Amino acid sequence: MGFLDEMKKVMEIKQKMDEIKKRLETIEVSVENDYVKVTATGNRKIKDIVILKTDDTVTLEGKLQSAINEALEKADNVMQSEMMGATKGMMPDMPGLT
């Protein structure tokens, strides 16, 4: 494969990554517990936080932190899945992308 072919592949991957980034912005993941509901996009941006119960602020703070971390973890999983699907078979010589 020549240099121009390699450059073409790199450009194709960049275009796919840009498309994935746009699509991830439309994907939402939510986590809910007794105290809060947190919604994040596939790009790891917190979109919404809803407080469901406020009777114990110490518990609320812990539940909020836990829900945010879980929502971001779910968003990471979505992002990794999308990226793996986009790069599969495109650059077989690069470990971790196939």
Protein backbone atom coordinates (compact mmCIF):
# COMPACT_ATOMS: atom_id res chain seq x y z
CA MET A 1 0.00 0.00 0.00
CA GLY A 2 1.44 3.35 -1.02
CA PHE A 3 1.66 6.63 0.81
CA LEU A 4 -1.42 8.06 -0.90
CA ASP A 5 -3.44 4.98 0.01
CA GLU A 6 -2.34 5.33 3.63
CA MET A 7 -3.29 9.02 3.66
CA LYS A 8 -6.67 8.16 2.18
CA LYS A 9 -7.25 5.62 4.98
CA VAL A 10 -6.24 8.17 7.61
CA MET A 11 -8.68 10.70 6.14
CA GLU A 12 -11.45 8.07 6.09
CA ILE A 13 -10.80 7.28 9.75
CA LYS A 14 -10.84 10.97 10.68
CA GLN A 15 -14.15 11.41 8.86
CA LYS A 16 -15.62 8.38 10.63
CA MET A 17 -14.40 9.66 14.02
CA ASP A 18 -16.04 13.04 13.35
CA GLU A 19 -19.29 11.26 12.45
CA ILE A 20 -19.09 9.16 15.61
CA LYS A 21 -18.50 12.25 17.76
CA LYS A 22 -21.64 13.86 16.32
CA ARG A 23 -23.64 10.66 16.83
CA LEU A 24 -22.38 10.28 20.42
CA GLU A 25 -23.75 13.72 21.20
CA THR A 26 -27.25 12.35 20.44
CA ILE A 27 -26.89 9.17 22.52
CA GLU A 28 -27.98 9.45 26.13
CA VAL A 29 -27.32 7.19 29.09
CA SER A 30 -29.13 7.58 32.41
CA VAL A 31 -28.54 6.35 35.93
CA GLU A 32 -31.13 6.65 38.68
CA ASN A 33 -31.08 5.80 42.37
CA ASP A 34 -33.32 6.76 45.30
CA TYR A 35 -31.96 10.32 45.42
CA VAL A 36 -30.95 11.43 41.92
CA LYS A 37 -31.23 10.77 38.20
CA VAL A 38 -28.21 11.69 36.04
CA THR A 39 -28.24 11.77 32.24
CA ALA A 40 -25.06 12.02 30.16
CA THR A 41 -24.31 12.02 26.44
CA GLY A 42 -22.10 9.46 24.76
CA ASN A 43 -19.42 12.17 24.71
CA ARG A 44 -19.30 12.15 28.54
CA LYS A 45 -21.13 15.44 29.02
CA ILE A 46 -23.65 15.65 31.86
CA LYS A 47 -26.92 16.67 30.23
CA ASP A 48 -29.31 16.61 33.18
CA ILE A 49 -29.40 16.06 36.94
CA VAL A 50 -32.74 15.59 38.67
CA ILE A 51 -32.91 15.59 42.47
CA LEU A 52 -35.54 13.06 43.56
CA LYS A 53 -35.11 13.18 47.34
CA THR A 54 -33.51 15.80 49.60
CA ASP A 55 -34.12 14.62 53.16
CA ASP A 56 -30.45 13.77 53.86
CA THR A 57 -27.83 15.99 52.16
CA VAL A 58 -24.89 13.77 53.10
CA THR A 59 -26.55 10.77 51.48
CA LEU A 60 -27.69 12.93 48.56
CA GLU A 61 -24.11 14.07 47.88
CA GLY A 62 -22.83 10.49 47.92
CA LYS A 63 -25.66 9.24 45.70
CA LEU A 64 -25.07 12.12 43.28
CA GLN A 65 -21.36 11.37 43.02
CA SER A 66 -22.06 7.68 42.52
CA ALA A 67 -24.69 8.30 39.83
CA ILE A 68 -22.45 10.74 37.93
CA ASN A 69 -19.54 8.30 37.97
CA GLU A 70 -21.77 5.45 36.78
CA ALA A 71 -23.28 7.59 34.01
CA LEU A 72 -19.82 8.59 32.79
CA GLU A 73 -18.71 4.96 32.88
CA LYS A 74 -21.72 4.00 30.74
CA ALA A 75 -20.91 6.85 28.36
CA ASP A 76 -17.31 5.54 28.12
CA ASN A 77 -18.61 2.09 27.21
CA VAL A 78 -20.84 3.54 24.48
CA MET A 79 -17.96 5.64 23.11
CA GLN A 80 -15.56 2.68 23.05
CA SER A 81 -18.13 0.50 21.31
CA GLU A 82 -18.77 3.15 18.66
CA MET A 83 -15.06 3.72 18.06
CA MET A 84 -14.30 0.00 17.82
CA GLY A 85 -17.05 -0.44 15.26
CA ALA A 86 -15.76 2.44 13.16
CA THR A 87 -12.14 1.38 13.08
CA LYS A 88 -12.62 -2.37 12.76
CA GLY A 89 -10.76 -3.59 9.72
CA MET A 90 -9.61 -0.15 8.60
CA MET A 91 -6.09 -0.23 10.03
CA PRO A 92 -5.25 -3.84 10.82
CA ASP A 93 -1.56 -3.05 11.46
CA MET A 94 -2.33 -0.86 14.47
CA PRO A 95 -2.86 -2.77 17.73
CA GLY A 96 -5.96 -1.78 19.65
CA LEU A 97 -7.86 -0.46 16.66
CA THR A 98 -9.08 -3.78 15.30
